[in-house]
PDB file of N, CA and C in Angstrom:
ATOM      1  N   MET A   1     136.176  80.639 157.737  1.00  0.00           N
ATOM      2  CA  MET A   1     135.798  81.834 157.715  1.00  0.00           C
ATOM      3  C   MET A   1     134.658  81.954 159.083  1.00  0.00           C
ATOM      4  N   THR A   2     134.792  83.236 159.166  1.00  0.00           N
ATOM      5  CA  THR A   2     133.601  83.661 160.195  1.00  0.00           C
ATOM      6  C   THR A   2     132.266  83.739 160.000  1.00  0.00           C
ATOM      7  N   ASP A   3     131.252  83.017 160.379  1.00  0.00           N
ATOM      8  CA  ASP A   3     129.756  83.662 160.669  1.00  0.00           C
ATOM      9  C   ASP A   3     129.331  84.669 159.666  1.00  0.00           C
ATOM     10  N   GLU A   4     130.286  86.041 160.197  1.00  0.00           N
ATOM     11  CA  GLU A   4     130.012  87.202 159.555  1.00  0.00           C
ATOM     12  C   GLU A   4     130.534  87.459 158.206  1.00  0.00           C
ATOM     13  N   GLU A   5     131.771  86.931 158.194  1.00  0.00           N
ATOM     14  CA  GLU A   5     132.538  87.215 156.392  1.00  0.00           C
ATOM     15  C   GLU A   5     131.571  86.334 155.998  1.00  0.00           C
ATOM     16  N   LEU A   6     130.845  85.030 155.914  1.00  0.00           N
ATOM     17  CA  LEU A   6     130.278  84.233 154.850  1.00  0.00           C
ATOM     18  C   LEU A   6     128.969  85.288 154.873  1.00  0.00           C
ATOM     19  N   LYS A   7     128.287  86.147 155.934  1.00  0.00           N
ATOM     20  CA  LYS A   7     127.103  86.467 155.770  1.00  0.00           C
ATOM     21  C   LYS A   7     127.394  88.039 154.976  1.00  0.00           C
ATOM     22  N   ALA A   8     128.468  88.568 154.745  1.00  0.00           N
ATOM     23  CA  ALA A   8     128.919  89.484 154.187  1.00  0.00           C
ATOM     24  C   ALA A   8     129.252  89.092 152.897  1.00  0.00           C
ATOM     25  N   ILE A   9     129.733  88.342 152.907  1.00  0.00           N
ATOM     26  CA  ILE A   9     129.510  87.292 151.122  1.00  0.00           C
ATOM     27  C   ILE A   9     128.243  87.078 150.593  1.00  0.00           C
ATOM     28  N   ALA A  10     127.228  86.478 151.161  1.00  0.00           N
ATOM     29  CA  ALA A  10     125.932  86.454 150.656  1.00  0.00           C
ATOM     30  C   ALA A  10     125.307  87.763 150.405  1.00  0.00           C
ATOM     31  N   VAL A  11     125.366  88.406 151.532  1.00  0.00           N
ATOM     32  CA  VAL A  11     124.480  89.925 150.990  1.00  0.00           C
ATOM     33  C   VAL A  11     125.361  90.596 150.257  1.00  0.00           C
ATOM     34  N   SER A  12     126.536  90.417 149.558  1.00  0.00           N
ATOM     35  CA  SER A  12     126.982  90.651 148.643  1.00  0.00           C
ATOM     36  C   SER A  12     127.000  90.220 146.969  1.00  0.00           C
ATOM     37  N   ASN A  13     126.793  89.126 147.376  1.00  0.00           N
ATOM     38  CA  ASN A  13     126.418  88.166 146.188  1.00  0.00           C
ATOM     39  C   ASN A  13     124.922  88.574 146.002  1.00  0.00           C
ATOM     40  N   ALA A  14     124.231  88.909 146.919  1.00  0.00           N
ATOM     41  CA  ALA A  14     122.723  88.769 146.565  1.00  0.00           C
ATOM     42  C   ALA A  14     122.739  90.280 145.573  1.00  0.00           C
ATOM     43  N   ARG A  15     123.162  91.286 146.686  1.00  0.00           N
ATOM     44  CA  ARG A  15     123.240  92.468 145.938  1.00  0.00           C
ATOM     45  C   ARG A  15     123.687  92.603 143.877  1.00  0.00           C
ATOM     46  N   SER A  16     124.619  91.745 144.001  1.00  0.00           N
ATOM     47  CA  SER A  16     125.345  91.950 142.710  1.00  0.00           C
ATOM     48  C   SER A  16     124.260  90.802 141.865  1.00  0.00           C
ATOM     49  N   ILE A  17     123.471  90.084 142.261  1.00  0.00           N
ATOM     50  CA  ILE A  17     122.837  89.126 141.590  1.00  0.00           C
ATOM     51  C   ILE A  17     121.604  90.502 141.287  1.00  0.00           C
ATOM     52  N   GLN A  18     121.300  90.648 142.738  1.00  0.00           N
ATOM     53  CA  GLN A  18     119.890  91.943 142.372  1.00  0.00           C
ATOM     54  C   GLN A  18     120.118  92.838 140.961  1.00  0.00           C
ATOM     55  N   ALA A  19     121.236  93.543 141.174  1.00  0.00           N
ATOM     56  CA  ALA A  19     122.054  94.228 140.163  1.00  0.00           C
ATOM     57  C   ALA A  19     122.239  94.106 138.729  1.00  0.00           C
ATOM     58  N   LEU A  20     122.022  92.630 138.476  1.00  0.00           N
ATOM     59  CA  LEU A  20     122.518  91.810 137.402  1.00  0.00           C
ATOM     60  C   LEU A  20     120.651  91.471 136.801  1.00  0.00           C
ATOM     61  N   THR A  21     119.843  91.565 137.700  1.00  0.00           N
ATOM     62  CA  THR A  21     118.431  90.813 137.594  1.00  0.00           C
ATOM     63  C   THR A  21     118.184  92.407 136.921  1.00  0.00           C
ATOM     64  N   ASP A  22     118.726  93.452 137.693  1.00  0.00           N
ATOM     65  CA  ASP A  22     117.616  94.664 137.174  1.00  0.00           C
ATOM     66  C   ASP A  22     118.151  95.131 135.413  1.00  0.00           C
ATOM     67  N   SER A  23     119.551  94.904 135.520  1.00  0.00           N
ATOM     68  CA  SER A  23     120.355  95.496 134.367  1.00  0.00           C
ATOM     69  C   SER A  23     119.576  94.827 133.182  1.00  0.00           C
ATOM     70  N   VAL A  24     119.778  93.073 133.397  1.00  0.00           N
ATOM     71  CA  VAL A  24     118.927  92.461 132.498  1.00  0.00           C
ATOM     72  C   VAL A  24     117.529  92.792 131.972  1.00  0.00           C
ATOM     73  N   ARG A  25     116.848  92.874 133.250  1.00  0.00           N
ATOM     74  CA  ARG A  25     115.342  93.517 132.791  1.00  0.00           C
ATOM     75  C   ARG A  25     115.628  94.972 131.954  1.00  0.00           C
ATOM     76  N   GLU A  26     116.655  95.799 132.381  1.00  0.00           N
ATOM     77  CA  GLU A  26     116.135  97.106 132.078  1.00  0.00           C
ATOM     78  C   GLU A  26     116.497  97.137 130.505  1.00  0.00           C
ATOM     79  N   PHE A  27     117.434  96.099 130.168  1.00  0.00           N
ATOM     80  CA  PHE A  27     117.858  95.524 128.634  1.00  0.00           C
ATOM     81  C   PHE A  27     116.388  95.044 127.833  1.00  0.00           C
ATOM     82  N   ARG A  28     116.081  94.223 128.437  1.00  0.00           N
ATOM     83  CA  ARG A  28     114.879  93.457 127.953  1.00  0.00           C
ATOM     84  C   ARG A  28     113.792  94.740 127.288  1.00  0.00           C
ATOM     85  N   GLU A  29     113.665  95.433 128.675  1.00  0.00           N
ATOM     86  CA  GLU A  29     112.518  96.620 128.322  1.00  0.00           C
ATOM     87  C   GLU A  29     112.904  97.385 127.329  1.00  0.00           C
ATOM     88  N   GLY A  30     114.124  97.669 126.928  1.00  0.00           N
ATOM     89  CA  GLY A  30     114.962  98.684 125.874  1.00  0.00           C
ATOM     90  C   GLY A  30     114.865  97.922 124.175  1.00  0.00           C
ATOM     91  N   VAL A  31     115.242  96.442 124.681  1.00  0.00           N
ATOM     92  CA  VAL A  31     115.130  95.893 123.140  1.00  0.00           C
ATOM     93  C   VAL A  31     113.557  95.207 122.984  1.00  0.00           C
ATOM     94  N   GLU A  32     112.458  95.575 124.108  1.00  0.00           N
ATOM     95  CA  GLU A  32     110.475  95.784 123.376  1.00  0.00           C
ATOM     96  C   GLU A  32     110.037  96.648 122.875  1.00  0.00           C
ATOM     97  N   LYS A  33     111.398  97.520 123.168  1.00  0.00           N
ATOM     98  CA  LYS A  33     110.720  98.749 123.316  1.00  0.00           C
ATOM     99  C   LYS A  33     111.500  99.140 121.670  1.00  0.00           C
ATOM    100  N   SER A  34     112.279  98.832 121.261  1.00  0.00           N
ATOM    101  CA  SER A  34     113.088  98.987 120.362  1.00  0.00           C
ATOM    102  C   SER A  34     112.031  97.980 119.410  1.00  0.00           C
ATOM    103  N   ARG A  35     111.280  97.151 119.010  1.00  0.00           N
ATOM    104  CA  ARG A  35     111.360  96.507 118.436  1.00  0.00           C
ATOM    105  C   ARG A  35     109.945  96.800 118.208  1.00  0.00           C
ATOM    106  N   GLN A  36     109.165  97.217 119.411  1.00  0.00           N
ATOM    107  CA  GLN A  36     107.851  98.136 119.133  1.00  0.00           C
ATOM    108  C   GLN A  36     108.083  99.581 117.918  1.00  0.00           C
ATOM    109  N   GLU A  37     109.054 100.381 118.359  1.00  0.00           N
ATOM    110  CA  GLU A  37     109.289 101.452 117.634  1.00  0.00           C
ATOM    111  C   GLU A  37     109.417 100.542 115.999  1.00  0.00           C
ATOM    112  N   TYR A  38     110.405  99.748 115.839  1.00  0.00           N
ATOM    113  CA  TYR A  38     110.985  98.796 114.789  1.00  0.00           C
ATOM    114  C   TYR A  38     109.200  98.340 114.014  1.00  0.00           C
ATOM    115  N   LEU A  39     107.989  98.015 114.483  1.00  0.00           N
ATOM    116  CA  LEU A  39     107.320  97.584 114.315  1.00  0.00           C
ATOM    117  C   LEU A  39     105.982  98.470 113.824  1.00  0.00           C
ATOM    118  N   GLN A  40     106.360  99.660 114.674  1.00  0.00           N
ATOM    119  CA  GLN A  40     105.835 101.111 114.301  1.00  0.00           C
ATOM    120  C   GLN A  40     105.906 101.823 112.707  1.00  0.00           C
ATOM    121  N   ASP A  41     107.155 101.873 112.701  1.00  0.00           N
ATOM    122  CA  ASP A  41     108.292 102.561 111.516  1.00  0.00           C
ATOM    123  C   ASP A  41     107.950 101.314 110.154  1.00  0.00           C
ATOM    124  N   ARG A  42     108.022 100.079 110.318  1.00  0.00           N
ATOM    125  CA  ARG A  42     107.317  99.211 109.685  1.00  0.00           C
ATOM    126  C   ARG A  42     106.202  99.704 108.705  1.00  0.00           C
ATOM    127  N   ALA A  43     105.539  99.809 109.541  1.00  0.00           N
ATOM    128  CA  ALA A  43     103.587  99.700 109.656  1.00  0.00           C
ATOM    129  C   ALA A  43     103.950 101.105 108.651  1.00  0.00           C
ATOM    130  N   GLN A  44     104.327 102.241 108.975  1.00  0.00           N
ATOM    131  CA  GLN A  44     104.305 103.755 108.485  1.00  0.00           C
ATOM    132  C   GLN A  44     105.188 103.206 107.331  1.00  0.00           C
ATOM    133  N   LEU A  45     105.857 102.545 106.866  1.00  0.00           N
ATOM    134  CA  LEU A  45     107.030 102.657 105.567  1.00  0.00           C
ATOM    135  C   LEU A  45     105.871 101.947 105.090  1.00  0.00           C
ATOM    136  N   TYR A  46     105.358 100.924 104.725  1.00  0.00           N
ATOM    137  CA  TYR A  46     104.291 100.329 104.414  1.00  0.00           C
ATOM    138  C   TYR A  46     103.147 101.832 103.844  1.00  0.00           C
ATOM    139  N   SER A  47     102.959 101.978 105.145  1.00  0.00           N
ATOM    140  CA  SER A  47     101.907 102.686 104.425  1.00  0.00           C
ATOM    141  C   SER A  47     101.907 103.608 103.335  1.00  0.00           C
ATOM    142  N   LEU A  48     103.521 104.419 103.349  1.00  0.00           N
ATOM    143  CA  LEU A  48     103.615 104.929 102.806  1.00  0.00           C
ATOM    144  C   LEU A  48     104.299 104.976 101.570  1.00  0.00           C
ATOM    145  N   MET A  49     104.916 103.383 101.173  1.00  0.00           N
ATOM    146  CA  MET A  49     103.896 102.909  99.809  1.00  0.00           C
ATOM    147  C   MET A  49     103.288 102.561  99.187  1.00  0.00           C
ATOM    148  N   THR A  50     102.117 102.225 100.095  1.00  0.00           N
ATOM    149  CA  THR A  50     100.773 102.303  99.131  1.00  0.00           C
ATOM    150  C   THR A  50     100.365 103.685  98.781  1.00  0.00           C
ATOM    151  N   ASP A  51     100.752 104.369  99.255  1.00  0.00           N
ATOM    152  CA  ASP A  51     100.498 106.102  99.242  1.00  0.00           C
ATOM    153  C   ASP A  51     101.108 106.352  97.581  1.00  0.00           C
ATOM    154  N   LEU A  52     102.259 106.293  97.536  1.00  0.00           N
ATOM    155  CA  LEU A  52     102.872 106.486  96.862  1.00  0.00           C
ATOM    156  C   LEU A  52     102.628 106.033  95.522  1.00  0.00           C
ATOM    157  N   THR A  53     102.114 104.477  95.944  1.00  0.00           N
ATOM    158  CA  THR A  53     101.602 103.371  94.507  1.00  0.00           C
ATOM    159  C   THR A  53     100.412 104.341  93.908  1.00  0.00           C
ATOM    160  N   GLN A  54      99.569 104.479  94.831  1.00  0.00           N
ATOM    161  CA  GLN A  54      98.301 105.374  94.769  1.00  0.00           C
ATOM    162  C   GLN A  54      98.417 106.385  93.586  1.00  0.00           C
ATOM    163  N   ASN A  55      99.733 107.160  93.956  1.00  0.00           N
ATOM    164  CA  ASN A  55     100.001 108.878  93.711  1.00  0.00           C
ATOM    165  C   ASN A  55     100.270 108.026  92.285  1.00  0.00           C
ATOM    166  N   GLN A  56     101.494 107.382  92.024  1.00  0.00           N
ATOM    167  CA  GLN A  56     102.220 107.348  90.780  1.00  0.00           C
ATOM    168  C   GLN A  56     101.044 106.554  90.004  1.00  0.00           C
ATOM    169  N   SER A  57      99.426 105.482  90.650  1.00  0.00           N
ATOM    170  CA  SER A  57      98.768 105.223  89.332  1.00  0.00           C
ATOM    171  C   SER A  57      97.968 106.590  89.348  1.00  0.00           C
ATOM    172  N   ARG A  58      97.798 107.498  89.476  1.00  0.00           N
ATOM    173  CA  ARG A  58      96.999 108.751  89.519  1.00  0.00           C
ATOM    174  C   ARG A  58      97.434 109.624  88.570  1.00  0.00           C
ATOM    175  N   ILE A  59      99.188 109.817  88.552  1.00  0.00           N
ATOM    176  CA  ILE A  59     100.076 110.356  87.465  1.00  0.00           C
ATOM    177  C   ILE A  59      99.751 109.659  86.553  1.00  0.00           C
ATOM    178  N   TYR A  60      99.805 108.370  86.119  1.00  0.00           N
ATOM    179  CA  TYR A  60      99.631 107.664  85.014  1.00  0.00           C
ATOM    180  C   TYR A  60      98.972 107.882  84.207  1.00  0.00           C
ATOM    181  N   ARG A  61      97.605 108.099  85.449  1.00  0.00           N
ATOM    182  CA  ARG A  61      96.145 108.317  84.521  1.00  0.00           C
ATOM    183  C   ARG A  61      96.063 109.561  83.640  1.00  0.00           C
ATOM    184  N   VAL A  62      96.832 110.888  84.750  1.00  0.00           N
ATOM    185  CA  VAL A  62      96.917 112.098  83.937  1.00  0.00           C
ATOM    186  C   VAL A  62      97.572 111.970  83.057  1.00  0.00           C
ATOM    187  N   LEU A  63      99.212 111.224  82.632  1.00  0.00           N
ATOM    188  CA  LEU A  63      99.745 111.504  81.815  1.00  0.00           C
ATOM    189  C   LEU A  63      99.350 110.843  80.538  1.00  0.00           C
ATOM    190  N   GLU A  64      97.996 109.564  80.867  1.00  0.00           N
ATOM    191  CA  GLU A  64      97.795 109.271  79.796  1.00  0.00           C
ATOM    192  C   GLU A  64      95.844 110.100  79.136  1.00  0.00           C
ATOM    193  N   ASN A  65      95.780 110.503  79.625  1.00  0.00           N
ATOM    194  CA  ASN A  65      95.032 111.497  79.364  1.00  0.00           C
ATOM    195  C   ASN A  65      95.526 113.109  78.864  1.00  0.00           C
ATOM    196  N   MET A  66      96.642 113.261  79.207  1.00  0.00           N
ATOM    197  CA  MET A  66      96.917 114.565  78.417  1.00  0.00           C
ATOM    198  C   MET A  66      97.384 114.122  77.374  1.00  0.00           C
ATOM    199  N   ASP A  67      98.378 113.502  77.228  1.00  0.00           N
ATOM    200  CA  ASP A  67      98.435 112.339  75.824  1.00  0.00           C
ATOM    201  C   ASP A  67      97.296 112.402  74.768  1.00  0.00           C
ATOM    202  N   ARG A  68      96.197 111.762  75.483  1.00  0.00           N
ATOM    203  CA  ARG A  68      95.239 111.758  74.144  1.00  0.00           C
ATOM    204  C   ARG A  68      94.862 113.334  74.169  1.00  0.00           C
ATOM    205  N   ARG A  69      94.681 113.682  74.994  1.00  0.00           N
ATOM    206  CA  ARG A  69      94.089 115.351  74.600  1.00  0.00           C
ATOM    207  C   ARG A  69      95.231 116.023  73.795  1.00  0.00           C
ATOM    208  N   GLN A  70      96.565 116.053  73.762  1.00  0.00           N
ATOM    209  CA  GLN A  70      97.405 116.450  73.079  1.00  0.00           C
ATOM    210  C   GLN A  70      96.967 115.762  71.567  1.00  0.00           C
ATOM    211  N   GLY A  71      96.651 114.751  71.496  1.00  0.00           N
ATOM    212  CA  GLY A  71      96.266 113.993  70.037  1.00  0.00           C
ATOM    213  C   GLY A  71      94.872 114.434  69.781  1.00  0.00           C
ATOM    214  N   GLU A  72      94.218 114.954  70.784  1.00  0.00           N
ATOM    215  CA  GLU A  72      93.188 115.963  69.956  1.00  0.00           C
ATOM    216  C   GLU A  72      93.560 117.558  69.921  1.00  0.00           C
ATOM    217  N   ILE A  73      94.549 117.707  70.304  1.00  0.00           N
ATOM    218  CA  ILE A  73      94.527 119.289  69.998  1.00  0.00           C
ATOM    219  C   ILE A  73      95.331 118.969  68.569  1.00  0.00           C
ATOM    220  N   VAL A  74      96.328 117.959  68.247  1.00  0.00           N
ATOM    221  CA  VAL A  74      96.995 117.879  66.963  1.00  0.00           C
ATOM    222  C   VAL A  74      96.249 117.976  65.659  1.00  0.00           C
ATOM    223  N   GLU A  75      95.310 117.057  66.040  1.00  0.00           N
ATOM    224  CA  GLU A  75      93.882 117.129  65.003  1.00  0.00           C
ATOM    225  C   GLU A  75      93.157 118.182  64.675  1.00  0.00           C
ATOM    226  N   VAL A  76      93.036 119.262  65.867  1.00  0.00           N
ATOM    227  CA  VAL A  76      91.973 120.121  65.452  1.00  0.00           C
ATOM    228  C   VAL A  76      93.028 121.022  65.034  1.00  0.00           C
ATOM    229  N   LEU A  77      94.441 121.097  65.098  1.00  0.00           N
ATOM    230  CA  LEU A  77      95.067 122.372  64.570  1.00  0.00           C
ATOM    231  C   LEU A  77      95.546 122.120  62.945  1.00  0.00           C
ATOM    232  N   LYS A  78      95.541 120.727  62.723  1.00  0.00           N
ATOM    233  CA  LYS A  78      95.122 120.077  61.133  1.00  0.00           C
ATOM    234  C   LYS A  78      94.081 120.310  60.578  1.00  0.00           C
ATOM    235  N   LEU A  79      93.354 120.387  61.117  1.00  0.00           N
ATOM    236  CA  LEU A  79      91.887 120.750  60.535  1.00  0.00           C
ATOM    237  C   LEU A  79      92.152 122.448  59.962  1.00  0.00           C
ATOM    238  N   VAL A  80      92.417 122.858  61.169  1.00  0.00           N
ATOM    239  CA  VAL A  80      92.528 124.656  61.310  1.00  0.00           C
ATOM    240  C   VAL A  80      92.969 125.021  60.176  1.00  0.00           C
ATOM    241  N   ALA A  81      94.677 124.329  60.170  1.00  0.00           N
ATOM    242  CA  ALA A  81      95.706 124.695  59.170  1.00  0.00           C
ATOM    243  C   ALA A  81      95.064 124.052  57.456  1.00  0.00           C
ATOM    244  N   GLN A  82      94.612 123.201  57.450  1.00  0.00           N
ATOM    245  CA  GLN A  82      93.677 123.094  56.292  1.00  0.00           C
ATOM    246  C   GLN A  82      92.765 123.603  55.619  1.00  0.00           C
ATOM    247  N   ARG A  83      91.991 124.136  56.820  1.00  0.00           N
ATOM    248  CA  ARG A  83      90.671 124.965  56.117  1.00  0.00           C
ATOM    249  C   ARG A  83      91.653 126.156  56.000  1.00  0.00           C
ATOM    250  N   GLN A  84      92.536 126.908  56.482  1.00  0.00           N
ATOM    251  CA  GLN A  84      93.133 128.056  56.566  1.00  0.00           C
ATOM    252  C   GLN A  84      93.848 127.791  54.784  1.00  0.00           C
ATOM    253  N   ASN A  85      94.425 126.674  54.359  1.00  0.00           N
ATOM    254  CA  ASN A  85      95.091 126.451  53.376  1.00  0.00           C
ATOM    255  C   ASN A  85      93.868 126.639  52.480  1.00  0.00           C
ATOM    256  N   GLU A  86      93.254 126.040  52.404  1.00  0.00           N
ATOM    257  CA  GLU A  86      91.964 126.002  51.738  1.00  0.00           C
ATOM    258  C   GLU A  86      91.203 127.799  51.266  1.00  0.00           C
ATOM    259  N   LYS A  87      91.368 128.196  52.686  1.00  0.00           N
ATOM    260  CA  LYS A  87      90.804 129.539  52.361  1.00  0.00           C
ATOM    261  C   LYS A  87      92.011 130.733  51.206  1.00  0.00           C
ATOM    262  N   ASN A  88      93.375 130.288  51.761  1.00  0.00           N
ATOM    263  CA  ASN A  88      94.176 130.907  50.285  1.00  0.00           C
ATOM    264  C   ASN A  88      94.460 130.426  49.530  1.00  0.00           C
ATOM    265  N   GLN A  89      93.788 129.475  49.153  1.00  0.00           N
ATOM    266  CA  GLN A  89      93.782 129.329  47.840  1.00  0.00           C
ATOM    267  C   GLN A  89      92.783 129.861  47.060  1.00  0.00           C
TER     268      GLN A  89
END
């Protein structure tokens, strides 16, 4: 092999190595970007889960209050019915 042929092979190999290096770098950047997006999505998910839990807690308090009030209304209606019956007798 001549020196020129060896130089051509060396240049070709250098270009191939550079292309491979660039490709690996781009791949790593893509992986890092995906990782960052995953971490952001996970943080947002946990935030949504926190909000959901707080809202469920509020709903249960409202339902408890409504149940108590319904019990009070039933007692008032019983008294009204009792007084109505007393008037009718």
